[in-house]
Amino acid sequence: MSDWLMRGAVFLAGASLGVFFFGGLWWTVRSSLVSKQPAIWLGLSGLVRVGVVLVGFYWAAGHDATRWLAAVLGFMFVQRMSIRWLRPTGEYAGGK
């Protein structure tokens, strides 16, 4: 497989990890709002999400710095898009 094709695949792997991480964060925050013990939700979810993302980055990128960069860029792309898609509207948006 060519280097560019591999980097594209690793970018998609990083984006998939971003969907898992930020989707899990969104779900955790919503669940913790109605939970009797939100600290447990937030703590365990954070550990699981970070662990899965780090193992996924290592699995996808290995020891290649350019693949790590591609994976992180895919992850950051999803982070930016999730901020844009999930931006609050209405009176809680902070605007006038």
PDB file of N, CA and C in Angstrom:
ATOM      1  N   MET A   1       0.858  -1.173   0.000  1.00  0.00           N
ATOM      2  CA  MET A   1       0.000   0.000   0.000  1.00  0.00           C
ATOM      3  C   MET A   1       0.901   1.233   0.000  1.00  0.00           C
ATOM      4  N   SER A   2       0.517   2.231  -0.787  1.00  0.00           N
ATOM      5  CA  SER A   2       1.344   3.429  -0.867  1.00  0.00           C
ATOM      6  C   SER A   2       1.288   4.212   0.447  1.00  0.00           C
ATOM      7  N   ASP A   3       2.305   5.037   0.628  1.00  0.00           N
ATOM      8  CA  ASP A   3       2.374   5.821   1.867  1.00  0.00           C
ATOM      9  C   ASP A   3       1.174   6.748   2.023  1.00  0.00           C
ATOM     10  N   TRP A   4       0.755   7.383   0.925  1.00  0.00           N
ATOM     11  CA  TRP A   4      -0.367   8.327   1.021  1.00  0.00           C
ATOM     12  C   TRP A   4      -1.668   7.605   1.317  1.00  0.00           C
ATOM     13  N   LEU A   5      -1.835   6.434   0.722  1.00  0.00           N
ATOM     14  CA  LEU A   5      -3.042   5.665   0.997  1.00  0.00           C
ATOM     15  C   LEU A   5      -3.065   5.194   2.452  1.00  0.00           C
ATOM     16  N   MET A   6      -1.902   4.784   2.950  1.00  0.00           N
ATOM     17  CA  MET A   6      -1.806   4.354   4.349  1.00  0.00           C
ATOM     18  C   MET A   6      -2.078   5.523   5.291  1.00  0.00           C
ATOM     19  N   ARG A   7      -1.533   6.682   4.982  1.00  0.00           N
ATOM     20  CA  ARG A   7      -1.793   7.857   5.830  1.00  0.00           C
ATOM     21  C   ARG A   7      -3.267   8.239   5.805  1.00  0.00           C
ATOM     22  N   GLY A   8      -3.907   8.091   4.643  1.00  0.00           N
ATOM     23  CA  GLY A   8      -5.344   8.353   4.558  1.00  0.00           C
ATOM     24  C   GLY A   8      -6.140   7.387   5.415  1.00  0.00           C
ATOM     25  N   ALA A   9      -5.734   6.116   5.392  1.00  0.00           N
ATOM     26  CA  ALA A   9      -6.410   5.120   6.230  1.00  0.00           C
ATOM     27  C   ALA A   9      -6.200   5.419   7.707  1.00  0.00           C
ATOM     28  N   VAL A  10      -5.001   5.856   8.066  1.00  0.00           N
ATOM     29  CA  VAL A  10      -4.718   6.192   9.467  1.00  0.00           C
ATOM     30  C   VAL A  10      -5.484   7.458   9.868  1.00  0.00           C
ATOM     31  N   PHE A  11      -5.622   8.416   8.942  1.00  0.00           N
ATOM     32  CA  PHE A  11      -6.437   9.604   9.203  1.00  0.00           C
ATOM     33  C   PHE A  11      -7.873   9.186   9.527  1.00  0.00           C
ATOM     34  N   LEU A  12      -8.422   8.260   8.728  1.00  0.00           N
ATOM     35  CA  LEU A  12      -9.782   7.773   8.986  1.00  0.00           C
ATOM     36  C   LEU A  12      -9.868   7.019  10.306  1.00  0.00           C
ATOM     37  N   ALA A  13      -8.812   6.289  10.648  1.00  0.00           N
ATOM     38  CA  ALA A  13      -8.792   5.604  11.950  1.00  0.00           C
ATOM     39  C   ALA A  13      -8.797   6.631  13.081  1.00  0.00           C
ATOM     40  N   GLY A  14      -8.012   7.704  12.938  1.00  0.00           N
ATOM     41  CA  GLY A  14      -8.011   8.770  13.941  1.00  0.00           C
ATOM     42  C   GLY A  14      -9.362   9.456  14.035  1.00  0.00           C
ATOM     43  N   ALA A  15     -10.004   9.648  12.876  1.00  0.00           N
ATOM     44  CA  ALA A  15     -11.338  10.254  12.886  1.00  0.00           C
ATOM     45  C   ALA A  15     -12.345   9.327  13.573  1.00  0.00           C
ATOM     46  N   SER A  16     -12.227   8.036  13.335  1.00  0.00           N
ATOM     47  CA  SER A  16     -13.119   7.077  13.998  1.00  0.00           C
ATOM     48  C   SER A  16     -12.903   7.081  15.505  1.00  0.00           C
ATOM     49  N   LEU A  17     -11.651   7.175  15.913  1.00  0.00           N
ATOM     50  CA  LEU A  17     -11.371   7.275  17.347  1.00  0.00           C
ATOM     51  C   LEU A  17     -11.935   8.571  17.914  1.00  0.00           C
ATOM     52  N   GLY A  18     -11.894   9.634  17.139  1.00  0.00           N
ATOM     53  CA  GLY A  18     -12.485  10.897  17.567  1.00  0.00           C
ATOM     54  C   GLY A  18     -13.992  10.791  17.745  1.00  0.00           C
ATOM     55  N   VAL A  19     -14.650  10.098  16.825  1.00  0.00           N
ATOM     56  CA  VAL A  19     -16.098   9.884  16.955  1.00  0.00           C
ATOM     57  C   VAL A  19     -16.395   9.094  18.219  1.00  0.00           C
ATOM     58  N   PHE A  20     -15.593   8.055  18.481  1.00  0.00           N
ATOM     59  CA  PHE A  20     -15.774   7.274  19.704  1.00  0.00           C
ATOM     60  C   PHE A  20     -15.558   8.146  20.935  1.00  0.00           C
ATOM     61  N   PHE A  21     -14.470   8.923  20.950  1.00  0.00           N
ATOM     62  CA  PHE A  21     -14.124   9.715  22.125  1.00  0.00           C
ATOM     63  C   PHE A  21     -15.158  10.807  22.389  1.00  0.00           C
ATOM     64  N   PHE A  22     -15.460  11.611  21.384  1.00  0.00           N
ATOM     65  CA  PHE A  22     -16.353  12.744  21.607  1.00  0.00           C
ATOM     66  C   PHE A  22     -17.818  12.321  21.679  1.00  0.00           C
ATOM     67  N   GLY A  23     -18.183  11.248  20.972  1.00  0.00           N
ATOM     68  CA  GLY A  23     -19.522  10.689  21.149  1.00  0.00           C
ATOM     69  C   GLY A  23     -19.700  10.135  22.550  1.00  0.00           C
ATOM     70  N   GLY A  24     -18.656   9.467  23.041  1.00  0.00           N
ATOM     71  CA  GLY A  24     -18.692   8.958  24.410  1.00  0.00           C
ATOM     72  C   GLY A  24     -18.733  10.068  25.437  1.00  0.00           C
ATOM     73  N   LEU A  25     -18.017  11.146  25.171  1.00  0.00           N
ATOM     74  CA  LEU A  25     -18.052  12.293  26.077  1.00  0.00           C
ATOM     75  C   LEU A  25     -19.447  12.901  26.113  1.00  0.00           C
ATOM     76  N   TRP A  26     -20.053  13.068  24.942  1.00  0.00           N
ATOM     77  CA  TRP A  26     -21.406  13.628  24.866  1.00  0.00           C
ATOM     78  C   TRP A  26     -22.383  12.740  25.629  1.00  0.00           C
ATOM     79  N   TRP A  27     -22.303  11.418  25.408  1.00  0.00           N
ATOM     80  CA  TRP A  27     -23.195  10.489  26.089  1.00  0.00           C
ATOM     81  C   TRP A  27     -22.959  10.505  27.602  1.00  0.00           C
ATOM     82  N   THR A  28     -21.696  10.572  28.014  1.00  0.00           N
ATOM     83  CA  THR A  28     -21.366  10.571  29.446  1.00  0.00           C
ATOM     84  C   THR A  28     -21.912  11.812  30.143  1.00  0.00           C
ATOM     85  N   VAL A  29     -21.736  12.949  29.534  1.00  0.00           N
ATOM     86  CA  VAL A  29     -22.228  14.189  30.155  1.00  0.00           C
ATOM     87  C   VAL A  29     -23.748  14.149  30.286  1.00  0.00           C
ATOM     88  N   ARG A  30     -24.425  13.702  29.240  1.00  0.00           N
ATOM     89  CA  ARG A  30     -25.889  13.610  29.317  1.00  0.00           C
ATOM     90  C   ARG A  30     -26.328  12.603  30.380  1.00  0.00           C
ATOM     91  N   SER A  31     -25.625  11.487  30.482  1.00  0.00           N
ATOM     92  CA  SER A  31     -25.983  10.464  31.474  1.00  0.00           C
ATOM     93  C   SER A  31     -25.667  10.917  32.891  1.00  0.00           C
ATOM     94  N   SER A  32     -24.572  11.652  33.049  1.00  0.00           N
ATOM     95  CA  SER A  32     -24.181  12.074  34.399  1.00  0.00           C
ATOM     96  C   SER A  32     -25.117  13.145  34.952  1.00  0.00           C
ATOM     97  N   LEU A  33     -25.807  13.861  34.085  1.00  0.00           N
ATOM     98  CA  LEU A  33     -26.731  14.894  34.555  1.00  0.00           C
ATOM     99  C   LEU A  33     -27.920  14.304  35.304  1.00  0.00           C
ATOM    100  N   VAL A  34     -28.280  13.088  34.992  1.00  0.00           N
ATOM    101  CA  VAL A  34     -29.426  12.457  35.659  1.00  0.00           C
ATOM    102  C   VAL A  34     -28.995  11.350  36.619  1.00  0.00           C
ATOM    103  N   SER A  35     -27.706  11.137  36.751  1.00  0.00           N
ATOM    104  CA  SER A  35     -27.189  10.076  37.610  1.00  0.00           C
ATOM    105  C   SER A  35     -27.102  10.542  39.061  1.00  0.00           C
ATOM    106  N   LYS A  36     -27.189   9.574  39.975  1.00  0.00           N
ATOM    107  CA  LYS A  36     -27.018   9.900  41.389  1.00  0.00           C
ATOM    108  C   LYS A  36     -25.543  10.000  41.758  1.00  0.00           C
ATOM    109  N   GLN A  37     -24.673   9.415  40.945  1.00  0.00           N
ATOM    110  CA  GLN A  37     -23.229   9.477  41.198  1.00  0.00           C
ATOM    111  C   GLN A  37     -22.499   9.873  39.909  1.00  0.00           C
ATOM    112  N   PRO A  38     -22.572  11.135  39.546  1.00  0.00           N
ATOM    113  CA  PRO A  38     -21.978  11.557  38.271  1.00  0.00           C
ATOM    114  C   PRO A  38     -20.453  11.444  38.234  1.00  0.00           C
ATOM    115  N   ALA A  39     -19.805  11.525  39.379  1.00  0.00           N
ATOM    116  CA  ALA A  39     -18.342  11.434  39.386  1.00  0.00           C
ATOM    117  C   ALA A  39     -17.870  10.077  38.895  1.00  0.00           C
ATOM    118  N   ILE A  40     -18.604   9.034  39.225  1.00  0.00           N
ATOM    119  CA  ILE A  40     -18.240   7.696  38.760  1.00  0.00           C
ATOM    120  C   ILE A  40     -18.405   7.607  37.249  1.00  0.00           C
ATOM    121  N   TRP A  41     -19.515   8.128  36.732  1.00  0.00           N
ATOM    122  CA  TRP A  41     -19.726   8.154  35.284  1.00  0.00           C
ATOM    123  C   TRP A  41     -18.574   8.860  34.588  1.00  0.00           C
ATOM    124  N   LEU A  42     -18.265  10.058  35.056  1.00  0.00           N
ATOM    125  CA  LEU A  42     -17.240  10.868  34.389  1.00  0.00           C
ATOM    126  C   LEU A  42     -15.855  10.239  34.507  1.00  0.00           C
ATOM    127  N   GLY A  43     -15.526   9.728  35.690  1.00  0.00           N
ATOM    128  CA  GLY A  43     -14.203   9.149  35.897  1.00  0.00           C
ATOM    129  C   GLY A  43     -13.971   7.887  35.087  1.00  0.00           C
ATOM    130  N   LEU A  44     -14.900   6.942  35.187  1.00  0.00           N
ATOM    131  CA  LEU A  44     -14.730   5.690  34.451  1.00  0.00           C
ATOM    132  C   LEU A  44     -14.805   5.893  32.945  1.00  0.00           C
ATOM    133  N   SER A  45     -15.710   6.735  32.519  1.00  0.00           N
ATOM    134  CA  SER A  45     -15.813   7.002  31.090  1.00  0.00           C
ATOM    135  C   SER A  45     -14.537   7.654  30.559  1.00  0.00           C
ATOM    136  N   GLY A  46     -13.990   8.573  31.321  1.00  0.00           N
ATOM    137  CA  GLY A  46     -12.750   9.219  30.892  1.00  0.00           C
ATOM    138  C   GLY A  46     -11.607   8.229  30.766  1.00  0.00           C
ATOM    139  N   LEU A  47     -11.480   7.337  31.737  1.00  0.00           N
ATOM    140  CA  LEU A  47     -10.425   6.325  31.677  1.00  0.00           C
ATOM    141  C   LEU A  47     -10.603   5.395  30.480  1.00  0.00           C
ATOM    142  N   VAL A  48     -11.820   4.948  30.250  1.00  0.00           N
ATOM    143  CA  VAL A  48     -12.080   4.045  29.132  1.00  0.00           C
ATOM    144  C   VAL A  48     -11.827   4.752  27.806  1.00  0.00           C
ATOM    145  N   ARG A  49     -12.349   5.963  27.655  1.00  0.00           N
ATOM    146  CA  ARG A  49     -12.183   6.678  26.387  1.00  0.00           C
ATOM    147  C   ARG A  49     -10.714   6.966  26.086  1.00  0.00           C
ATOM    148  N   VAL A  50      -9.975   7.450  27.073  1.00  0.00           N
ATOM    149  CA  VAL A  50      -8.556   7.743  26.855  1.00  0.00           C
ATOM    150  C   VAL A  50      -7.787   6.464  26.559  1.00  0.00           C
ATOM    151  N   GLY A  51      -8.077   5.395  27.286  1.00  0.00           N
ATOM    152  CA  GLY A  51      -7.389   4.129  27.049  1.00  0.00           C
ATOM    153  C   GLY A  51      -7.632   3.593  25.645  1.00  0.00           C
ATOM    154  N   VAL A  52      -8.891   3.601  25.218  1.00  0.00           N
ATOM    155  CA  VAL A  52      -9.215   3.099  23.882  1.00  0.00           C
ATOM    156  C   VAL A  52      -8.547   3.953  22.808  1.00  0.00           C
ATOM    157  N   VAL A  53      -8.557   5.262  22.972  1.00  0.00           N
ATOM    158  CA  VAL A  53      -7.957   6.143  21.974  1.00  0.00           C
ATOM    159  C   VAL A  53      -6.450   5.945  21.906  1.00  0.00           C
ATOM    160  N   LEU A  54      -5.784   5.830  23.032  1.00  0.00           N
ATOM    161  CA  LEU A  54      -4.333   5.631  23.012  1.00  0.00           C
ATOM    162  C   LEU A  54      -3.959   4.288  22.384  1.00  0.00           C
ATOM    163  N   VAL A  55      -4.679   3.233  22.736  1.00  0.00           N
ATOM    164  CA  VAL A  55      -4.411   1.927  22.125  1.00  0.00           C
ATOM    165  C   VAL A  55      -4.721   1.980  20.628  1.00  0.00           C
ATOM    166  N   GLY A  56      -5.786   2.645  20.258  1.00  0.00           N
ATOM    167  CA  GLY A  56      -6.129   2.781  18.838  1.00  0.00           C
ATOM    168  C   GLY A  56      -5.094   3.565  18.063  1.00  0.00           C
ATOM    169  N   PHE A  57      -4.594   4.645  18.638  1.00  0.00           N
ATOM    170  CA  PHE A  57      -3.525   5.401  17.974  1.00  0.00           C
ATOM    171  C   PHE A  57      -2.290   4.532  17.785  1.00  0.00           C
ATOM    172  N   TYR A  58      -1.910   3.809  18.816  1.00  0.00           N
ATOM    173  CA  TYR A  58      -0.719   2.973  18.717  1.00  0.00           C
ATOM    174  C   TYR A  58      -0.923   1.860  17.694  1.00  0.00           C
ATOM    175  N   TRP A  59      -2.122   1.266  17.678  1.00  0.00           N
ATOM    176  CA  TRP A  59      -2.406   0.205  16.722  1.00  0.00           C
ATOM    177  C   TRP A  59      -2.385   0.752  15.292  1.00  0.00           C
ATOM    178  N   ALA A  60      -2.969   1.918  15.076  1.00  0.00           N
ATOM    179  CA  ALA A  60      -3.066   2.477  13.724  1.00  0.00           C
ATOM    180  C   ALA A  60      -1.743   3.075  13.252  1.00  0.00           C
ATOM    181  N   ALA A  61      -1.008   3.730  14.137  1.00  0.00           N
ATOM    182  CA  ALA A  61       0.172   4.487  13.724  1.00  0.00           C
ATOM    183  C   ALA A  61       1.479   3.758  13.991  1.00  0.00           C
ATOM    184  N   GLY A  62       1.509   2.901  14.981  1.00  0.00           N
ATOM    185  CA  GLY A  62       2.748   2.186  15.282  1.00  0.00           C
ATOM    186  C   GLY A  62       3.857   3.127  15.703  1.00  0.00           C
ATOM    187  N   HIS A  63       5.003   2.975  15.059  1.00  0.00           N
ATOM    188  CA  HIS A  63       6.176   3.788  15.409  1.00  0.00           C
ATOM    189  C   HIS A  63       6.488   4.839  14.344  1.00  0.00           C
ATOM    190  N   ASP A  64       5.556   5.105  13.444  1.00  0.00           N
ATOM    191  CA  ASP A  64       5.779   6.052  12.354  1.00  0.00           C
ATOM    192  C   ASP A  64       5.214   7.424  12.727  1.00  0.00           C
ATOM    193  N   ALA A  65       6.077   8.417  12.763  1.00  0.00           N
ATOM    194  CA  ALA A  65       5.670   9.762  13.187  1.00  0.00           C
ATOM    195  C   ALA A  65       4.656  10.374  12.234  1.00  0.00           C
ATOM    196  N   THR A  66       4.776  10.124  10.931  1.00  0.00           N
ATOM    197  CA  THR A  66       3.817  10.712   9.995  1.00  0.00           C
ATOM    198  C   THR A  66       2.438  10.073  10.140  1.00  0.00           C
ATOM    199  N   ARG A  67       2.410   8.803  10.496  1.00  0.00           N
ATOM    200  CA  ARG A  67       1.109   8.160  10.745  1.00  0.00           C
ATOM    201  C   ARG A  67       0.487   8.697  12.029  1.00  0.00           C
ATOM    202  N   TRP A  68       1.293   8.936  13.047  1.00  0.00           N
ATOM    203  CA  TRP A  68       0.779   9.555  14.275  1.00  0.00           C
ATOM    204  C   TRP A  68       0.171  10.914  13.955  1.00  0.00           C
ATOM    205  N   LEU A  69       0.873  11.686  13.132  1.00  0.00           N
ATOM    206  CA  LEU A  69       0.358  13.000  12.753  1.00  0.00           C
ATOM    207  C   LEU A  69      -0.971  12.867  12.026  1.00  0.00           C
ATOM    208  N   ALA A  70      -1.074  11.913  11.106  1.00  0.00           N
ATOM    209  CA  ALA A  70      -2.325  11.701  10.380  1.00  0.00           C
ATOM    210  C   ALA A  70      -3.448  11.302  11.329  1.00  0.00           C
ATOM    211  N   ALA A  71      -3.154  10.418  12.284  1.00  0.00           N
ATOM    212  CA  ALA A  71      -4.176   9.983  13.239  1.00  0.00           C
ATOM    213  C   ALA A  71      -4.638  11.143  14.117  1.00  0.00           C
ATOM    214  N   VAL A  72      -3.703  11.939  14.586  1.00  0.00           N
ATOM    215  CA  VAL A  72      -4.058  13.078  15.434  1.00  0.00           C
ATOM    216  C   VAL A  72      -4.839  14.116  14.639  1.00  0.00           C
ATOM    217  N   LEU A  73      -4.465  14.343  13.382  1.00  0.00           N
ATOM    218  CA  LEU A  73      -5.215  15.289  12.550  1.00  0.00           C
ATOM    219  C   LEU A  73      -6.644  14.799  12.313  1.00  0.00           C
ATOM    220  N   GLY A  74      -6.834  13.503  12.111  1.00  0.00           N
ATOM    221  CA  GLY A  74      -8.182  12.952  11.973  1.00  0.00           C
ATOM    222  C   GLY A  74      -8.986  13.129  13.247  1.00  0.00           C
ATOM    223  N   PHE A  75      -8.342  12.892  14.386  1.00  0.00           N
ATOM    224  CA  PHE A  75      -8.981  13.073  15.686  1.00  0.00           C
ATOM    225  C   PHE A  75      -9.380  14.538  15.887  1.00  0.00           C
ATOM    226  N   MET A  76      -8.470  15.446  15.570  1.00  0.00           N
ATOM    227  CA  MET A  76      -8.741  16.879  15.743  1.00  0.00           C
ATOM    228  C   MET A  76      -9.811  17.368  14.776  1.00  0.00           C
ATOM    229  N   PHE A  77      -9.866  16.784  13.584  1.00  0.00           N
ATOM    230  CA  PHE A  77     -10.906  17.144  12.630  1.00  0.00           C
ATOM    231  C   PHE A  77     -12.285  16.849  13.215  1.00  0.00           C
ATOM    232  N   VAL A  78     -12.431  15.670  13.804  1.00  0.00           N
ATOM    233  CA  VAL A  78     -13.707  15.305  14.417  1.00  0.00           C
ATOM    234  C   VAL A  78     -14.003  16.204  15.611  1.00  0.00           C
ATOM    235  N   GLN A  79     -12.974  16.565  16.357  1.00  0.00           N
ATOM    236  CA  GLN A  79     -13.181  17.456  17.497  1.00  0.00           C
ATOM    237  C   GLN A  79     -13.735  18.799  17.027  1.00  0.00           C
ATOM    238  N   ARG A  80     -13.135  19.355  15.980  1.00  0.00           N
ATOM    239  CA  ARG A  80     -13.609  20.651  15.461  1.00  0.00           C
ATOM    240  C   ARG A  80     -15.024  20.542  14.915  1.00  0.00           C
ATOM    241  N   MET A  81     -15.316  19.461  14.197  1.00  0.00           N
ATOM    242  CA  MET A  81     -16.648  19.284  13.630  1.00  0.00           C
ATOM    243  C   MET A  81     -17.690  19.053  14.725  1.00  0.00           C
ATOM    244  N   SER A  82     -17.324  18.335  15.782  1.00  0.00           N
ATOM    245  CA  SER A  82     -18.297  18.109  16.860  1.00  0.00           C
ATOM    246  C   SER A  82     -18.601  19.408  17.592  1.00  0.00           C
ATOM    247  N   ILE A  83     -17.617  20.274  17.726  1.00  0.00           N
ATOM    248  CA  ILE A  83     -17.878  21.581  18.333  1.00  0.00           C
ATOM    249  C   ILE A  83     -18.846  22.375  17.460  1.00  0.00           C
ATOM    250  N   ARG A  84     -18.641  22.309  16.159  1.00  0.00           N
ATOM    251  CA  ARG A  84     -19.516  23.037  15.245  1.00  0.00           C
ATOM    252  C   ARG A  84     -20.928  22.452  15.229  1.00  0.00           C
ATOM    253  N   TRP A  85     -21.043  21.115  15.199  1.00  0.00           N
ATOM    254  CA  TRP A  85     -22.352  20.480  15.109  1.00  0.00           C
ATOM    255  C   TRP A  85     -23.124  20.550  16.405  1.00  0.00           C
ATOM    256  N   LEU A  86     -22.442  20.502  17.528  1.00  0.00           N
ATOM    257  CA  LEU A  86     -23.119  20.441  18.827  1.00  0.00           C
ATOM    258  C   LEU A  86     -23.122  21.784  19.548  1.00  0.00           C
ATOM    259  N   ARG A  87     -22.837  22.847  18.837  1.00  0.00           N
ATOM    260  CA  ARG A  87     -22.835  24.176  19.445  1.00  0.00           C
ATOM    261  C   ARG A  87     -24.215  24.473  20.021  1.00  0.00           C
ATOM    262  N   PRO A  88     -24.243  24.921  21.272  1.00  0.00           N
ATOM    263  CA  PRO A  88     -25.554  25.216  21.875  1.00  0.00           C
ATOM    264  C   PRO A  88     -26.220  26.425  21.198  1.00  0.00           C
ATOM    265  N   THR A  89     -27.522  26.382  21.185  1.00  0.00           N
ATOM    266  CA  THR A  89     -28.283  27.483  20.617  1.00  0.00           C
ATOM    267  C   THR A  89     -29.244  28.004  21.666  1.00  0.00           C
ATOM    268  N   GLY A  90     -29.760  29.176  21.438  1.00  0.00           N
ATOM    269  CA  GLY A  90     -30.742  29.735  22.362  1.00  0.00           C
ATOM    270  C   GLY A  90     -30.091  30.503  23.492  1.00  0.00           C
ATOM    271  N   GLU A  91     -30.784  30.562  24.619  1.00  0.00           N
ATOM    272  CA  GLU A  91     -30.344  31.402  25.725  1.00  0.00           C
ATOM    273  C   GLU A  91     -29.069  30.899  26.388  1.00  0.00           C
ATOM    274  N   TYR A  92     -28.713  29.605  26.220  1.00  0.00           N
ATOM    275  CA  TYR A  92     -27.511  29.065  26.858  1.00  0.00           C
ATOM    276  C   TYR A  92     -26.279  29.181  25.970  1.00  0.00           C
ATOM    277  N   ALA A  93     -26.418  29.774  24.799  1.00  0.00           N
ATOM    278  CA  ALA A  93     -25.302  29.845  23.857  1.00  0.00           C
ATOM    279  C   ALA A  93     -24.291  30.917  24.274  1.00  0.00           C
ATOM    280  N   GLY A  94     -24.617  31.762  25.183  1.00  0.00           N
ATOM    281  CA  GLY A  94     -23.686  32.787  25.617  1.00  0.00           C
ATOM    282  C   GLY A  94     -23.760  34.068  24.793  1.00  0.00           C
ATOM    283  N   GLY A  95     -24.536  34.056  23.744  1.00  0.00           N
ATOM    284  CA  GLY A  95     -24.690  35.246  22.908  1.00  0.00           C
ATOM    285  C   GLY A  95     -25.904  36.045  23.313  1.00  0.00           C
ATOM    286  N   LYS A  96     -26.117  37.142  22.624  1.00  0.00           N
ATOM    287  CA  LYS A  96     -27.267  37.991  22.919  1.00  0.00           C
ATOM    288  C   LYS A  96     -28.391  37.738  21.961  1.00  0.00           C
TER     289      LYS A  96
END
